[in-house]
N, C-alpha and C. Protein backbone atom coordinates (compact mmCIF):
# COMPACT_ATOMS: atom_id res chain seq x y z
N MET A 1 80.23 104.64 17.74
CA MET A 1 80.77 103.29 17.86
C MET A 1 82.22 103.40 18.32
N THR A 2 82.50 102.93 19.55
CA THR A 2 83.83 102.99 20.12
C THR A 2 84.37 101.58 20.30
N THR A 3 85.60 101.36 19.89
CA THR A 3 86.22 100.05 20.09
C THR A 3 87.74 100.19 20.22
N LYS A 4 88.20 101.08 21.02
CA LYS A 4 89.64 101.33 21.13
C LYS A 4 90.26 100.51 22.26
N ILE A 5 91.36 99.85 21.96
CA ILE A 5 92.09 99.08 22.97
C ILE A 5 92.98 100.01 23.76
N LYS A 6 92.95 99.85 25.07
CA LYS A 6 93.85 100.57 25.97
C LYS A 6 94.61 99.54 26.78
N THR A 7 95.83 99.87 27.12
CA THR A 7 96.64 98.97 27.93
C THR A 7 96.97 99.65 29.24
N ASP A 8 96.60 98.99 30.35
CA ASP A 8 96.92 99.48 31.68
C ASP A 8 98.18 98.74 32.12
N ASN A 9 99.32 99.40 32.00
CA ASN A 9 100.59 98.76 32.31
C ASN A 9 100.79 98.51 33.80
N ASP A 10 100.17 99.34 34.65
CA ASP A 10 100.30 99.14 36.09
C ASP A 10 99.57 97.87 36.54
N GLN A 11 98.36 97.66 36.01
CA GLN A 11 97.57 96.50 36.42
C GLN A 11 97.72 95.31 35.46
N LYS A 12 98.45 95.53 34.37
CA LYS A 12 98.66 94.50 33.35
C LYS A 12 97.34 93.98 32.80
N ILE A 13 96.54 94.93 32.30
CA ILE A 13 95.23 94.61 31.73
C ILE A 13 95.10 95.26 30.36
N ILE A 14 94.69 94.49 29.39
CA ILE A 14 94.32 95.00 28.08
C ILE A 14 92.83 95.30 28.17
N LYS A 15 92.45 96.57 27.98
CA LYS A 15 91.06 97.00 28.19
C LYS A 15 90.44 97.41 26.86
N ARG A 16 89.17 97.05 26.73
CA ARG A 16 88.45 97.45 25.52
C ARG A 16 87.02 97.82 25.88
N LEU A 17 86.66 99.07 25.64
CA LEU A 17 85.29 99.55 25.81
C LEU A 17 84.62 99.42 24.45
N VAL A 18 83.46 98.79 24.42
CA VAL A 18 82.73 98.63 23.16
C VAL A 18 81.38 99.29 23.31
N SER A 19 81.06 100.19 22.38
CA SER A 19 79.74 100.81 22.38
C SER A 19 79.12 100.63 21.01
N GLY A 20 77.84 100.84 20.94
CA GLY A 20 77.14 100.65 19.67
C GLY A 20 76.72 99.21 19.49
N VAL A 21 76.39 98.87 18.26
CA VAL A 21 75.91 97.52 17.96
C VAL A 21 77.10 96.59 17.76
N LEU A 22 77.10 95.49 18.50
CA LEU A 22 78.18 94.51 18.39
C LEU A 22 77.64 93.32 17.59
N HIS A 23 77.66 93.47 16.27
CA HIS A 23 77.22 92.40 15.40
C HIS A 23 78.36 91.39 15.23
N THR A 24 78.09 90.28 14.59
CA THR A 24 79.05 89.18 14.51
C THR A 24 80.38 89.60 13.90
N ASP A 25 80.36 90.25 12.75
CA ASP A 25 81.61 90.65 12.10
C ASP A 25 82.44 91.56 13.00
N ARG A 26 81.77 92.47 13.67
CA ARG A 26 82.48 93.39 14.56
C ARG A 26 83.04 92.64 15.77
N ALA A 27 82.29 91.66 16.30
CA ALA A 27 82.76 90.87 17.43
C ALA A 27 83.99 90.05 17.05
N ILE A 28 83.98 89.47 15.87
CA ILE A 28 85.13 88.68 15.41
C ILE A 28 86.34 89.59 15.23
N LYS A 29 86.14 90.78 14.68
CA LYS A 29 87.24 91.75 14.54
C LYS A 29 87.79 92.11 15.92
N LEU A 30 86.91 92.31 16.89
CA LEU A 30 87.31 92.61 18.26
C LEU A 30 88.19 91.49 18.83
N VAL A 31 87.78 90.25 18.63
CA VAL A 31 88.56 89.12 19.13
C VAL A 31 89.93 89.08 18.47
N ARG A 32 89.98 89.31 17.18
CA ARG A 32 91.27 89.32 16.48
C ARG A 32 92.19 90.41 17.01
N GLU A 33 91.64 91.60 17.21
CA GLU A 33 92.45 92.70 17.73
C GLU A 33 92.95 92.41 19.15
N LEU A 34 92.09 91.82 19.96
CA LEU A 34 92.51 91.45 21.31
C LEU A 34 93.57 90.35 21.27
N SER A 35 93.46 89.45 20.32
CA SER A 35 94.46 88.39 20.17
C SER A 35 95.83 88.97 19.85
N ILE A 36 95.84 89.95 18.97
CA ILE A 36 97.10 90.61 18.62
C ILE A 36 97.68 91.32 19.84
N ALA A 37 96.83 92.05 20.56
CA ALA A 37 97.29 92.76 21.76
C ALA A 37 97.81 91.76 22.80
N ALA A 38 97.11 90.64 22.97
CA ALA A 38 97.53 89.62 23.94
C ALA A 38 98.86 88.98 23.52
N GLU A 39 99.08 88.86 22.25
CA GLU A 39 100.34 88.31 21.76
C GLU A 39 101.50 89.25 22.08
N LEU A 40 101.24 90.55 21.99
CA LEU A 40 102.27 91.55 22.29
C LEU A 40 102.50 91.74 23.79
N GLN A 41 101.47 91.50 24.58
CA GLN A 41 101.53 91.66 26.04
C GLN A 41 101.20 90.32 26.69
N LYS A 42 102.09 89.36 26.61
CA LYS A 42 101.80 87.98 26.99
C LYS A 42 101.35 87.78 28.43
N ASP A 43 101.76 88.63 29.35
CA ASP A 43 101.38 88.42 30.75
C ASP A 43 100.22 89.32 31.18
N TYR A 44 99.48 89.87 30.22
CA TYR A 44 98.36 90.75 30.52
C TYR A 44 97.04 89.99 30.43
N ASP A 45 96.09 90.37 31.29
CA ASP A 45 94.73 89.85 31.23
C ASP A 45 93.90 90.74 30.31
N ILE A 46 92.69 90.30 29.99
CA ILE A 46 91.82 91.04 29.08
C ILE A 46 90.53 91.44 29.80
N LEU A 47 90.14 92.70 29.61
CA LEU A 47 88.88 93.22 30.15
C LEU A 47 88.10 93.86 29.01
N ILE A 48 86.90 93.33 28.75
CA ILE A 48 86.03 93.88 27.71
C ILE A 48 84.79 94.45 28.40
N ASP A 49 84.52 95.71 28.15
CA ASP A 49 83.38 96.38 28.75
C ASP A 49 82.30 96.55 27.69
N LEU A 50 81.22 95.77 27.80
CA LEU A 50 80.13 95.80 26.84
C LEU A 50 78.89 96.53 27.36
N ARG A 51 79.02 97.27 28.45
CA ARG A 51 77.85 97.91 29.04
C ARG A 51 77.21 98.95 28.13
N GLU A 52 77.97 99.52 27.20
CA GLU A 52 77.43 100.54 26.30
C GLU A 52 77.12 99.98 24.92
N SER A 53 77.08 98.66 24.81
CA SER A 53 76.85 98.04 23.51
C SER A 53 75.48 97.38 23.45
N VAL A 54 75.10 97.07 22.25
CA VAL A 54 73.88 96.31 22.00
C VAL A 54 74.34 94.97 21.44
N THR A 55 74.04 93.90 22.14
CA THR A 55 74.43 92.57 21.68
C THR A 55 73.23 91.65 21.74
N ALA A 56 72.96 91.04 20.64
CA ALA A 56 71.86 90.07 20.60
C ALA A 56 72.14 89.05 19.51
N PRO A 57 73.30 88.40 19.55
CA PRO A 57 73.61 87.46 18.49
C PRO A 57 72.75 86.21 18.57
N GLU A 58 72.50 85.65 17.41
CA GLU A 58 71.82 84.36 17.33
C GLU A 58 72.83 83.27 17.63
N MET A 59 72.38 82.04 17.78
CA MET A 59 73.28 80.94 18.10
C MET A 59 74.37 80.78 17.04
N THR A 60 74.04 80.93 15.76
CA THR A 60 75.07 80.80 14.72
C THR A 60 76.10 81.90 14.85
N ASP A 61 75.67 83.11 15.24
CA ASP A 61 76.61 84.20 15.46
C ASP A 61 77.53 83.88 16.63
N LEU A 62 76.95 83.36 17.70
CA LEU A 62 77.72 83.00 18.88
C LEU A 62 78.78 81.95 18.52
N MET A 63 78.43 81.00 17.71
CA MET A 63 79.38 79.96 17.31
C MET A 63 80.52 80.55 16.50
N ALA A 64 80.25 81.52 15.64
CA ALA A 64 81.30 82.19 14.87
C ALA A 64 82.24 82.96 15.80
N ILE A 65 81.66 83.64 16.77
CA ILE A 65 82.47 84.39 17.74
C ILE A 65 83.33 83.43 18.56
N MET A 66 82.75 82.33 18.99
CA MET A 66 83.51 81.35 19.77
C MET A 66 84.61 80.71 18.95
N SER A 67 84.38 80.51 17.68
CA SER A 67 85.42 79.98 16.80
C SER A 67 86.62 80.92 16.76
N ALA A 68 86.35 82.23 16.71
CA ALA A 68 87.43 83.21 16.73
C ALA A 68 88.18 83.16 18.06
N TRP A 69 87.45 83.04 19.18
CA TRP A 69 88.10 82.94 20.49
C TRP A 69 88.93 81.66 20.59
N SER A 70 88.46 80.57 20.00
CA SER A 70 89.16 79.30 20.15
C SER A 70 90.54 79.35 19.52
N ARG A 71 90.74 80.19 18.52
CA ARG A 71 92.08 80.34 17.94
C ARG A 71 93.05 80.96 18.93
N LEU A 72 92.53 81.72 19.87
CA LEU A 72 93.36 82.35 20.90
C LEU A 72 93.68 81.37 22.03
N ALA A 73 92.85 80.37 22.21
CA ALA A 73 92.92 79.49 23.38
C ALA A 73 94.27 78.79 23.55
N ASP A 74 94.86 78.34 22.48
CA ASP A 74 96.10 77.59 22.60
C ASP A 74 97.27 78.44 23.08
N ASP A 75 97.22 79.74 22.84
CA ASP A 75 98.32 80.63 23.19
C ASP A 75 98.03 81.55 24.36
N PHE A 76 96.84 81.47 24.94
CA PHE A 76 96.45 82.43 25.97
C PHE A 76 96.02 81.69 27.23
N ASP A 77 96.74 81.96 28.33
CA ASP A 77 96.44 81.29 29.59
C ASP A 77 96.09 82.28 30.70
N ASN A 78 95.83 83.52 30.33
CA ASN A 78 95.52 84.54 31.32
C ASN A 78 94.01 84.66 31.49
N LYS A 79 93.59 85.62 32.30
CA LYS A 79 92.17 85.79 32.60
C LYS A 79 91.49 86.70 31.59
N ILE A 80 90.19 86.44 31.39
CA ILE A 80 89.35 87.28 30.56
C ILE A 80 88.10 87.64 31.37
N ALA A 81 87.83 88.93 31.49
CA ALA A 81 86.61 89.40 32.16
C ALA A 81 85.81 90.23 31.16
N ILE A 82 84.52 89.96 31.13
CA ILE A 82 83.63 90.75 30.29
C ILE A 82 82.56 91.36 31.19
N VAL A 83 82.41 92.68 31.09
CA VAL A 83 81.42 93.40 31.88
C VAL A 83 80.20 93.65 30.99
N PHE A 84 79.06 93.12 31.42
CA PHE A 84 77.80 93.26 30.70
C PHE A 84 76.88 94.20 31.46
N ARG A 85 75.96 94.80 30.74
CA ARG A 85 74.88 95.55 31.35
C ARG A 85 73.88 94.52 31.90
N LYS A 86 73.31 94.79 33.04
CA LYS A 86 72.40 93.83 33.64
C LYS A 86 70.98 94.08 33.15
N ASP A 87 70.65 93.45 32.04
CA ASP A 87 69.30 93.48 31.50
C ASP A 87 69.03 92.14 30.85
N GLN A 88 67.82 91.90 30.45
CA GLN A 88 67.45 90.58 29.94
C GLN A 88 68.25 90.18 28.71
N GLU A 89 68.42 91.10 27.77
CA GLU A 89 69.16 90.81 26.55
C GLU A 89 70.59 90.41 26.84
N HIS A 90 71.28 91.21 27.65
CA HIS A 90 72.68 90.94 27.95
C HIS A 90 72.84 89.71 28.84
N THR A 91 71.93 89.51 29.77
CA THR A 91 72.03 88.38 30.68
C THR A 91 71.93 87.06 29.92
N ARG A 92 71.01 86.97 28.98
CA ARG A 92 70.86 85.75 28.18
C ARG A 92 72.13 85.49 27.37
N PHE A 93 72.63 86.52 26.71
CA PHE A 93 73.87 86.38 25.93
C PHE A 93 75.04 86.02 26.84
N ALA A 94 75.12 86.67 27.99
CA ALA A 94 76.23 86.42 28.93
C ALA A 94 76.26 84.97 29.38
N GLN A 95 75.11 84.39 29.67
CA GLN A 95 75.06 82.99 30.11
C GLN A 95 75.55 82.05 29.02
N LEU A 96 75.10 82.26 27.79
CA LEU A 96 75.55 81.42 26.68
C LEU A 96 77.05 81.58 26.46
N PHE A 97 77.51 82.82 26.49
CA PHE A 97 78.92 83.09 26.26
C PHE A 97 79.78 82.47 27.35
N LYS A 98 79.35 82.59 28.59
CA LYS A 98 80.09 82.02 29.72
C LYS A 98 80.24 80.51 29.56
N THR A 99 79.17 79.84 29.22
CA THR A 99 79.21 78.40 29.04
C THR A 99 80.22 78.01 27.96
N CYS A 100 80.20 78.72 26.86
CA CYS A 100 81.13 78.43 25.77
C CYS A 100 82.58 78.70 26.16
N MET A 101 82.83 79.82 26.81
CA MET A 101 84.21 80.17 27.21
C MET A 101 84.77 79.17 28.22
N GLU A 102 83.97 78.77 29.19
CA GLU A 102 84.43 77.81 30.19
C GLU A 102 84.64 76.44 29.56
N ALA A 103 83.79 76.05 28.63
CA ALA A 103 83.95 74.76 27.96
C ALA A 103 85.25 74.73 27.15
N ARG A 104 85.66 75.87 26.66
CA ARG A 104 86.91 75.96 25.88
C ARG A 104 88.13 76.03 26.79
N GLY A 105 87.93 76.23 28.08
CA GLY A 105 89.04 76.20 29.03
C GLY A 105 89.61 77.56 29.41
N PHE A 106 88.92 78.62 29.05
CA PHE A 106 89.41 79.95 29.42
C PHE A 106 89.16 80.22 30.90
N LYS A 107 90.05 81.01 31.50
CA LYS A 107 89.82 81.56 32.85
C LYS A 107 88.95 82.78 32.63
N PHE A 108 87.68 82.62 32.81
CA PHE A 108 86.71 83.60 32.35
C PHE A 108 85.71 83.95 33.43
N ARG A 109 85.36 85.24 33.50
CA ARG A 109 84.29 85.70 34.38
C ARG A 109 83.44 86.69 33.62
N GLN A 110 82.16 86.59 33.81
CA GLN A 110 81.22 87.60 33.32
C GLN A 110 80.74 88.35 34.53
N LEU A 111 80.78 89.65 34.45
CA LEU A 111 80.41 90.47 35.60
C LEU A 111 79.53 91.61 35.13
N PHE A 112 78.86 92.22 36.08
CA PHE A 112 78.00 93.35 35.77
C PHE A 112 78.55 94.64 36.37
N ASP A 113 79.70 94.57 37.03
CA ASP A 113 80.31 95.73 37.68
C ASP A 113 81.77 95.83 37.25
N TYR A 114 82.17 96.99 36.72
CA TYR A 114 83.52 97.20 36.20
C TYR A 114 84.58 97.03 37.28
N ASP A 115 84.37 97.63 38.44
CA ASP A 115 85.38 97.57 39.50
C ASP A 115 85.59 96.14 40.00
N THR A 116 84.52 95.37 40.05
CA THR A 116 84.62 93.96 40.47
C THR A 116 85.43 93.18 39.43
N ALA A 117 85.25 93.50 38.16
CA ALA A 117 86.02 92.84 37.11
C ALA A 117 87.51 93.14 37.24
N VAL A 118 87.85 94.39 37.47
CA VAL A 118 89.26 94.76 37.65
C VAL A 118 89.84 94.07 38.88
N GLU A 119 89.06 94.03 39.95
CA GLU A 119 89.50 93.37 41.19
C GLU A 119 89.79 91.88 40.93
N TRP A 120 88.91 91.20 40.19
CA TRP A 120 89.13 89.79 39.90
C TRP A 120 90.37 89.59 39.03
N LEU A 121 90.56 90.45 38.05
CA LEU A 121 91.72 90.33 37.17
C LEU A 121 93.04 90.57 37.90
N THR A 122 93.04 91.48 38.84
CA THR A 122 94.29 91.83 39.52
C THR A 122 94.52 91.02 40.80
N GLY A 123 93.53 90.24 41.20
CA GLY A 123 93.62 89.46 42.45
C GLY A 123 94.37 88.17 42.31
């Protein structure tokens, strides 16, 4: 289980690779840690790589995760990119997550390719 935050100072991106099972409590902890990092690096975007994770939250789990993200919304105006593995499980979750993030007003993209995500964040 890997969840270490890295900061790319050249590209101004806070990066997080997540592997293993991403259950609700772990996802909320991830959001909190990213919120702290974003507070310290105010002009940095966020890149979360979930390609090595297992995610299958239920709707109630998704709502808890979105509640954690919404606390960040008032103070965060930068971009967020999440890279998902392209399979049925991740695609379904990605669509629900995208809808919620956009409804909350985040500059958000869900992608299936890491390099494309970095390109969007730095463009």
